[in-house]
Amino acid sequence: MKEIKIVYEDDYLMLLNKGEGVVSTAENYKGDRQTVESWVRQSFEWSRDLKRAGLVHRLDKVTRGLLLVAKNEDVLDSLKKLFKQRKVKKKYMALLEGEVVTKGEIKVPIARSSYSFGKWAVNPDGKVAWTIFRLLKKYRKDGKSYSLVEVDLKTGRTHQIRVHFSYVGWPVAGDGLYGSRLRWKEGIFLQAFYLELEHPIDKKLMSWSIDMDNELGGFLEELDEE
């Protein structure tokens, strides 16, 4: 499947690069397009008896980037525990609308929106969500400002980055669901580009980083760098 590429693989785990528009798991998905879960199940015999084909976590359909897959039940349990204990470092690249401060953090709880199906929102009764960011570059186009940021997720709530930046007035470019006015045929400008964790078997610290997606990089070339 061209929208899914293997970045790393050993006897215990596999790291994938998921393209925009691909759903992570088949759970609650009623469409007819192949998901990452179904692709793994069809491609690798070891995944047939694993819950969600061994997917350790998920990415939104519109988010590109790194997805971790376990190859057996013990490794799956170990990796899920690392995520739960917040011992996995995840970094994202995002283009935001507006002029962003040099660095900062957003720490407000998130819950399902009570007004819009499929949407999440800041809610004092929700689960704690913590996002740290730093500004990389500023851009302009047609009188509008854009900011490229690196995002460090300390928690992994559904739509967390999208909700948090929309809440502070800097929606992710192309994300109409959360207030972006930009309409971009390639989806939204958000990529999970970095992952770091302790290997569940040999206990070595491992990290992976991928280059910016070609479609995202192409869009930046259309902007004027400040």
C-alpha atoms as a PDB file:
ATOM      1  CA  MET A   1       0.000   0.000   0.000  1.00  0.00           C
ATOM      2  CA  LYS A   2       1.694   3.184  -1.166  1.00  0.00           C
ATOM      3  CA  GLU A   3       0.291   5.288   1.704  1.00  0.00           C
ATOM      4  CA  ILE A   4       2.035   3.050   4.276  1.00  0.00           C
ATOM      5  CA  LYS A   5       5.792   2.494   4.395  1.00  0.00           C
ATOM      6  CA  ILE A   6       7.967   0.478   6.761  1.00  0.00           C
ATOM      7  CA  VAL A   7      10.542   2.728   8.453  1.00  0.00           C
ATOM      8  CA  TYR A   8      12.094   0.148  10.801  1.00  0.00           C
ATOM      9  CA  GLU A   9      11.608  -3.516  11.646  1.00  0.00           C
ATOM     10  CA  ASP A  10      13.146  -6.119  13.943  1.00  0.00           C
ATOM     11  CA  ASP A  11      11.932  -9.398  15.475  1.00  0.00           C
ATOM     12  CA  TYR A  12       9.765  -7.613  18.034  1.00  0.00           C
ATOM     13  CA  LEU A  13       8.372  -4.410  16.586  1.00  0.00           C
ATOM     14  CA  MET A  14       7.814  -2.472  13.395  1.00  0.00           C
ATOM     15  CA  LEU A  15       7.581   1.257  12.739  1.00  0.00           C
ATOM     16  CA  LEU A  16       5.371   2.542   9.927  1.00  0.00           C
ATOM     17  CA  ASN A  17       4.988   5.878   8.174  1.00  0.00           C
ATOM     18  CA  LYS A  18       1.270   6.475   7.556  1.00  0.00           C
ATOM     19  CA  GLY A  19       0.077   8.791   4.833  1.00  0.00           C
ATOM     20  CA  GLU A  20      -2.708  11.387   5.059  1.00  0.00           C
ATOM     21  CA  GLY A  21      -6.214  10.014   4.602  1.00  0.00           C
ATOM     22  CA  VAL A  22      -5.488   6.540   5.994  1.00  0.00           C
ATOM     23  CA  VAL A  23      -7.441   5.418   9.070  1.00  0.00           C
ATOM     24  CA  SER A  24      -5.320   3.745  11.761  1.00  0.00           C
ATOM     25  CA  THR A  25      -7.675   1.047  13.079  1.00  0.00           C
ATOM     26  CA  ALA A  26     -10.823  -0.657  11.874  1.00  0.00           C
ATOM     27  CA  GLU A  27     -12.581   0.050  15.178  1.00  0.00           C
ATOM     28  CA  ASN A  28     -15.730   2.137  14.566  1.00  0.00           C
ATOM     29  CA  TYR A  29     -14.695   2.609  10.904  1.00  0.00           C
ATOM     30  CA  LYS A  30     -17.457   1.929   8.381  1.00  0.00           C
ATOM     31  CA  GLY A  31     -15.659   2.995   5.195  1.00  0.00           C
ATOM     32  CA  ASP A  32     -14.409   0.663   2.484  1.00  0.00           C
ATOM     33  CA  ARG A  33     -10.816   1.944   2.281  1.00  0.00           C
ATOM     34  CA  GLN A  34      -8.020  -0.133   3.744  1.00  0.00           C
ATOM     35  CA  THR A  35      -6.876   0.843   7.240  1.00  0.00           C
ATOM     36  CA  VAL A  36      -3.392   0.466   8.702  1.00  0.00           C
ATOM     37  CA  GLU A  37      -4.753  -2.347  10.863  1.00  0.00           C
ATOM     38  CA  SER A  38      -6.223  -4.262   7.909  1.00  0.00           C
ATOM     39  CA  TRP A  39      -3.047  -3.752   5.853  1.00  0.00           C
ATOM     40  CA  VAL A  40      -0.859  -5.156   8.636  1.00  0.00           C
ATOM     41  CA  ARG A  41      -3.232  -8.090   9.152  1.00  0.00           C
ATOM     42  CA  GLN A  42      -3.221  -8.963   5.459  1.00  0.00           C
ATOM     43  CA  SER A  43       0.531  -8.508   5.071  1.00  0.00           C
ATOM     44  CA  PHE A  44       1.992 -10.235   8.152  1.00  0.00           C
ATOM     45  CA  GLU A  45       0.918 -13.580   9.572  1.00  0.00           C
ATOM     46  CA  TRP A  46       2.228 -12.745  13.056  1.00  0.00           C
ATOM     47  CA  SER A  47      -0.418 -10.010  13.369  1.00  0.00           C
ATOM     48  CA  ARG A  48      -3.497 -12.211  12.836  1.00  0.00           C
ATOM     49  CA  ASP A  49      -4.173 -12.994  16.501  1.00  0.00           C
ATOM     50  CA  LEU A  50      -3.095  -9.646  17.948  1.00  0.00           C
ATOM     51  CA  LYS A  51      -5.587  -7.001  19.024  1.00  0.00           C
ATOM     52  CA  ARG A  52      -5.691  -4.263  16.362  1.00  0.00           C
ATOM     53  CA  ALA A  53      -3.002  -6.252  14.525  1.00  0.00           C
ATOM     54  CA  GLY A  54      -0.472  -5.093  17.109  1.00  0.00           C
ATOM     55  CA  LEU A  55      -0.959  -1.331  16.663  1.00  0.00           C
ATOM     56  CA  VAL A  56       0.312   0.266  19.858  1.00  0.00           C
ATOM     57  CA  HIS A  57      -1.260   3.694  19.316  1.00  0.00           C
ATOM     58  CA  ARG A  58      -3.166   5.625  16.643  1.00  0.00           C
ATOM     59  CA  LEU A  59      -2.943   8.704  14.477  1.00  0.00           C
ATOM     60  CA  ASP A  60      -5.891  10.730  13.212  1.00  0.00           C
ATOM     61  CA  LYS A  61      -6.926   9.959   9.642  1.00  0.00           C
ATOM     62  CA  VAL A  62      -5.709  13.394   8.518  1.00  0.00           C
ATOM     63  CA  THR A  63      -2.353  13.151  10.328  1.00  0.00           C
ATOM     64  CA  ARG A  64       0.732  11.785   8.607  1.00  0.00           C
ATOM     65  CA  GLY A  65       3.610  10.061  10.327  1.00  0.00           C
ATOM     66  CA  LEU A  66       5.025   7.373  12.575  1.00  0.00           C
ATOM     67  CA  LEU A  67       2.976   4.479  13.955  1.00  0.00           C
ATOM     68  CA  LEU A  68       4.384   1.736  16.181  1.00  0.00           C
ATOM     69  CA  VAL A  69       3.361  -1.921  15.794  1.00  0.00           C
ATOM     70  CA  ALA A  70       4.195  -4.811  18.156  1.00  0.00           C
ATOM     71  CA  LYS A  71       4.816  -8.321  16.826  1.00  0.00           C
ATOM     72  CA  ASN A  72       3.641 -10.326  19.834  1.00  0.00           C
ATOM     73  CA  GLU A  73       1.390  -9.966  22.864  1.00  0.00           C
ATOM     74  CA  ASP A  74       4.170  -9.446  25.411  1.00  0.00           C
ATOM     75  CA  VAL A  75       5.813  -6.685  23.370  1.00  0.00           C
ATOM     76  CA  LEU A  76       2.410  -5.082  22.776  1.00  0.00           C
ATOM     77  CA  ASP A  77       1.732  -5.000  26.519  1.00  0.00           C
ATOM     78  CA  SER A  78       5.212  -3.595  27.242  1.00  0.00           C
ATOM     79  CA  LEU A  79       4.925  -0.837  24.657  1.00  0.00           C
ATOM     80  CA  LYS A  80       1.428   0.129  25.764  1.00  0.00           C
ATOM     81  CA  LYS A  81       2.749   0.399  29.316  1.00  0.00           C
ATOM     82  CA  LEU A  82       5.511   2.766  28.134  1.00  0.00           C
ATOM     83  CA  PHE A  83       2.900   4.982  26.474  1.00  0.00           C
ATOM     84  CA  LYS A  84       0.697   4.922  29.567  1.00  0.00           C
ATOM     85  CA  GLN A  85       3.657   5.854  31.773  1.00  0.00           C
ATOM     86  CA  ARG A  86       4.524   8.690  29.345  1.00  0.00           C
ATOM     87  CA  LYS A  87       7.950   7.225  28.656  1.00  0.00           C
ATOM     88  CA  VAL A  88       7.616   7.551  24.888  1.00  0.00           C
ATOM     89  CA  LYS A  89       8.764  10.825  23.331  1.00  0.00           C
ATOM     90  CA  LYS A  90       6.600  11.905  20.385  1.00  0.00           C
ATOM     91  CA  LYS A  91       7.266  14.982  18.291  1.00  0.00           C
ATOM     92  CA  TYR A  92       5.163  16.513  15.552  1.00  0.00           C
ATOM     93  CA  MET A  93       5.652  19.150  12.889  1.00  0.00           C
ATOM     94  CA  ALA A  94       2.718  21.525  12.396  1.00  0.00           C
ATOM     95  CA  LEU A  95       2.033  24.662  10.406  1.00  0.00           C
ATOM     96  CA  LEU A  96      -0.246  26.997  12.351  1.00  0.00           C
ATOM     97  CA  GLU A  97      -2.240  29.988  11.211  1.00  0.00           C
ATOM     98  CA  GLY A  98      -1.111  33.197  12.893  1.00  0.00           C
ATOM     99  CA  GLU A  99       2.046  34.529  14.538  1.00  0.00           C
ATOM    100  CA  VAL A 100       3.107  32.119  17.250  1.00  0.00           C
ATOM    101  CA  VAL A 101       5.276  33.031  20.242  1.00  0.00           C
ATOM    102  CA  THR A 102       8.825  31.613  20.312  1.00  0.00           C
ATOM    103  CA  LYS A 103       7.954  28.748  22.660  1.00  0.00           C
ATOM    104  CA  GLY A 104       5.328  27.741  25.164  1.00  0.00           C
ATOM    105  CA  GLU A 105       3.018  25.078  26.491  1.00  0.00           C
ATOM    106  CA  ILE A 106      -0.706  24.439  26.589  1.00  0.00           C
ATOM    107  CA  LYS A 107      -2.080  22.438  29.501  1.00  0.00           C
ATOM    108  CA  VAL A 108      -5.869  22.296  29.462  1.00  0.00           C
ATOM    109  CA  PRO A 109      -8.137  19.207  29.657  1.00  0.00           C
ATOM    110  CA  ILE A 110      -9.903  17.755  26.619  1.00  0.00           C
ATOM    111  CA  ALA A 111     -13.165  15.821  26.219  1.00  0.00           C
ATOM    112  CA  ARG A 112     -15.578  14.879  23.440  1.00  0.00           C
ATOM    113  CA  SER A 113     -17.557  17.844  22.207  1.00  0.00           C
ATOM    114  CA  SER A 114     -21.154  17.796  23.383  1.00  0.00           C
ATOM    115  CA  TYR A 115     -22.179  19.911  20.389  1.00  0.00           C
ATOM    116  CA  SER A 116     -20.481  18.298  17.393  1.00  0.00           C
ATOM    117  CA  PHE A 117     -20.103  14.571  16.629  1.00  0.00           C
ATOM    118  CA  GLY A 118     -16.529  13.505  15.935  1.00  0.00           C
ATOM    119  CA  LYS A 119     -15.095  16.659  17.447  1.00  0.00           C
ATOM    120  CA  TRP A 120     -13.216  17.210  20.710  1.00  0.00           C
ATOM    121  CA  ALA A 121     -13.010  20.341  22.823  1.00  0.00           C
ATOM    122  CA  VAL A 122     -11.379  21.919  25.852  1.00  0.00           C
ATOM    123  CA  ASN A 123     -13.475  20.922  28.854  1.00  0.00           C
ATOM    124  CA  PRO A 124     -12.653  21.359  32.567  1.00  0.00           C
ATOM    125  CA  ASP A 125     -14.182  17.923  33.186  1.00  0.00           C
ATOM    126  CA  GLY A 126     -12.062  16.241  30.497  1.00  0.00           C
ATOM    127  CA  LYS A 127      -8.767  14.368  30.681  1.00  0.00           C
ATOM    128  CA  VAL A 128      -5.534  16.253  31.288  1.00  0.00           C
ATOM    129  CA  ALA A 129      -3.742  17.184  28.061  1.00  0.00           C
ATOM    130  CA  TRP A 130      -0.293  18.750  27.833  1.00  0.00           C
ATOM    131  CA  THR A 131       1.333  20.158  24.695  1.00  0.00           C
ATOM    132  CA  ILE A 132       4.764  21.823  24.476  1.00  0.00           C
ATOM    133  CA  PHE A 133       5.881  23.693  21.354  1.00  0.00           C
ATOM    134  CA  ARG A 134       8.673  25.812  19.915  1.00  0.00           C
ATOM    135  CA  LEU A 135       8.672  28.067  16.879  1.00  0.00           C
ATOM    136  CA  LEU A 136      10.859  27.014  13.937  1.00  0.00           C
ATOM    137  CA  LYS A 137      10.043  29.487  11.147  1.00  0.00           C
ATOM    138  CA  LYS A 138       7.569  32.201  10.221  1.00  0.00           C
ATOM    139  CA  TYR A 139       5.904  32.549   6.827  1.00  0.00           C
ATOM    140  CA  ARG A 140       3.499  34.845   5.011  1.00  0.00           C
ATOM    141  CA  LYS A 141       1.231  34.519   1.996  1.00  0.00           C
ATOM    142  CA  ASP A 142      -1.505  36.794   0.676  1.00  0.00           C
ATOM    143  CA  GLY A 143      -1.249  38.962   3.783  1.00  0.00           C
ATOM    144  CA  LYS A 144      -1.674  36.026   6.171  1.00  0.00           C
ATOM    145  CA  SER A 145       0.847  34.792   8.732  1.00  0.00           C
ATOM    146  CA  TYR A 146       1.817  31.154   9.292  1.00  0.00           C
ATOM    147  CA  SER A 147       4.132  29.588  11.868  1.00  0.00           C
ATOM    148  CA  LEU A 148       5.977  26.275  11.585  1.00  0.00           C
ATOM    149  CA  VAL A 149       6.314  24.672  15.012  1.00  0.00           C
ATOM    150  CA  GLU A 150       7.783  21.552  16.553  1.00  0.00           C
ATOM    151  CA  VAL A 151       5.357  19.983  19.010  1.00  0.00           C
ATOM    152  CA  ASP A 152       6.268  17.726  21.935  1.00  0.00           C
ATOM    153  CA  LEU A 153       3.272  15.778  23.222  1.00  0.00           C
ATOM    154  CA  LYS A 154       3.378  14.945  26.911  1.00  0.00           C
ATOM    155  CA  THR A 155      -0.026  13.254  26.698  1.00  0.00           C
ATOM    156  CA  GLY A 156      -1.724  11.593  23.742  1.00  0.00           C
ATOM    157  CA  ARG A 157      -5.371  12.619  23.701  1.00  0.00           C
ATOM    158  CA  THR A 158      -7.513  12.337  20.586  1.00  0.00           C
ATOM    159  CA  HIS A 159      -7.117  15.455  18.395  1.00  0.00           C
ATOM    160  CA  GLN A 160      -4.937  16.982  21.135  1.00  0.00           C
ATOM    161  CA  ILE A 161      -2.704  19.150  18.943  1.00  0.00           C
ATOM    162  CA  ARG A 162      -5.625  20.266  16.798  1.00  0.00           C
ATOM    163  CA  VAL A 163      -7.817  21.158  19.784  1.00  0.00           C
ATOM    164  CA  HIS A 164      -5.102  22.904  21.791  1.00  0.00           C
ATOM    165  CA  PHE A 165      -3.847  25.178  19.024  1.00  0.00           C
ATOM    166  CA  SER A 166      -7.373  26.007  17.913  1.00  0.00           C
ATOM    167  CA  TYR A 167      -8.178  26.907  21.528  1.00  0.00           C
ATOM    168  CA  VAL A 168      -5.374  29.490  21.684  1.00  0.00           C
ATOM    169  CA  GLY A 169      -6.244  30.941  18.278  1.00  0.00           C
ATOM    170  CA  TRP A 170      -3.626  29.243  16.079  1.00  0.00           C
ATOM    171  CA  PRO A 171      -5.452  26.444  14.227  1.00  0.00           C
ATOM    172  CA  VAL A 172      -3.459  23.878  12.253  1.00  0.00           C
ATOM    173  CA  ALA A 173      -3.352  24.974   8.605  1.00  0.00           C
ATOM    174  CA  GLY A 174      -6.008  23.192   6.569  1.00  0.00           C
ATOM    175  CA  ASP A 175      -7.917  21.905   9.604  1.00  0.00           C
ATOM    176  CA  GLY A 176     -11.401  23.223   8.881  1.00  0.00           C
ATOM    177  CA  LEU A 177     -12.915  21.135  11.682  1.00  0.00           C
ATOM    178  CA  TYR A 178     -11.023  23.255  14.203  1.00  0.00           C
ATOM    179  CA  GLY A 179     -11.233  26.688  12.669  1.00  0.00           C
ATOM    180  CA  SER A 180      -8.657  26.882   9.866  1.00  0.00           C
ATOM    181  CA  ARG A 181      -9.752  29.079   6.976  1.00  0.00           C
ATOM    182  CA  LEU A 182      -7.228  27.505   4.624  1.00  0.00           C
ATOM    183  CA  ARG A 183      -8.649  24.930   2.230  1.00  0.00           C
ATOM    184  CA  TRP A 184      -5.870  22.603   1.108  1.00  0.00           C
ATOM    185  CA  LYS A 185      -6.502  19.509  -1.011  1.00  0.00           C
ATOM    186  CA  GLU A 186      -3.757  17.570   0.791  1.00  0.00           C
ATOM    187  CA  GLY A 187      -5.528  17.697   4.171  1.00  0.00           C
ATOM    188  CA  ILE A 188      -3.997  19.358   7.225  1.00  0.00           C
ATOM    189  CA  PHE A 189      -0.389  20.337   7.911  1.00  0.00           C
ATOM    190  CA  LEU A 190       0.469  17.926  10.727  1.00  0.00           C
ATOM    191  CA  GLN A 191       3.087  15.163  10.781  1.00  0.00           C
ATOM    192  CA  ALA A 192       4.317  12.832  13.532  1.00  0.00           C
ATOM    193  CA  PHE A 193       7.994  12.877  12.605  1.00  0.00           C
ATOM    194  CA  TYR A 194       9.897  11.669  15.700  1.00  0.00           C
ATOM    195  CA  LEU A 195       9.563   8.780  18.138  1.00  0.00           C
ATOM    196  CA  GLU A 196      11.865   7.777  21.000  1.00  0.00           C
ATOM    197  CA  LEU A 197      11.541   4.904  23.472  1.00  0.00           C
ATOM    198  CA  GLU A 198      13.346   2.148  25.319  1.00  0.00           C
ATOM    199  CA  HIS A 199      13.283  -1.076  23.306  1.00  0.00           C
ATOM    200  CA  PRO A 200      11.065  -3.547  25.218  1.00  0.00           C
ATOM    201  CA  ILE A 201      13.537  -6.440  24.831  1.00  0.00           C
ATOM    202  CA  ASP A 202      17.148  -5.220  24.854  1.00  0.00           C
ATOM    203  CA  LYS A 203      16.298  -2.019  26.794  1.00  0.00           C
ATOM    204  CA  LYS A 204      18.352   0.173  24.463  1.00  0.00           C
ATOM    205  CA  LEU A 205      17.151   3.729  23.888  1.00  0.00           C
ATOM    206  CA  MET A 206      15.970   3.958  20.293  1.00  0.00           C
ATOM    207  CA  SER A 207      14.837   6.934  18.252  1.00  0.00           C
ATOM    208  CA  TRP A 208      13.532   7.435  14.733  1.00  0.00           C
ATOM    209  CA  SER A 209      13.027  10.573  12.686  1.00  0.00           C
ATOM    210  CA  ILE A 210      11.543  10.983   9.211  1.00  0.00           C
ATOM    211  CA  ASP A 211      11.870  13.832   6.734  1.00  0.00           C
ATOM    212  CA  MET A 212       9.045  16.253   6.162  1.00  0.00           C
ATOM    213  CA  ASP A 213       6.389  14.801   3.871  1.00  0.00           C
ATOM    214  CA  ASN A 214       6.817  15.932   0.235  1.00  0.00           C
ATOM    215  CA  GLU A 215       3.320  17.423   0.091  1.00  0.00           C
ATOM    216  CA  LEU A 216       3.943  19.444   3.238  1.00  0.00           C
ATOM    217  CA  GLY A 217       7.339  20.596   2.029  1.00  0.00           C
ATOM    218  CA  GLY A 218       5.850  21.580  -1.317  1.00  0.00           C
ATOM    219  CA  PHE A 219       3.271  23.743   0.402  1.00  0.00           C
ATOM    220  CA  LEU A 220       5.954  25.561   2.416  1.00  0.00           C
ATOM    221  CA  GLU A 221       7.762  26.389  -0.824  1.00  0.00           C
ATOM    222  CA  GLU A 222       4.675  28.334  -1.913  1.00  0.00           C
ATOM    223  CA  LEU A 223       4.967  30.596   1.146  1.00  0.00           C
ATOM    224  CA  ASP A 224       7.319  33.525   1.733  1.00  0.00           C
ATOM    225  CA  GLU A 225       9.734  32.883   4.586  1.00  0.00           C
ATOM    226  CA  GLU A 226      10.199  35.788   7.002  1.00  0.00           C
END
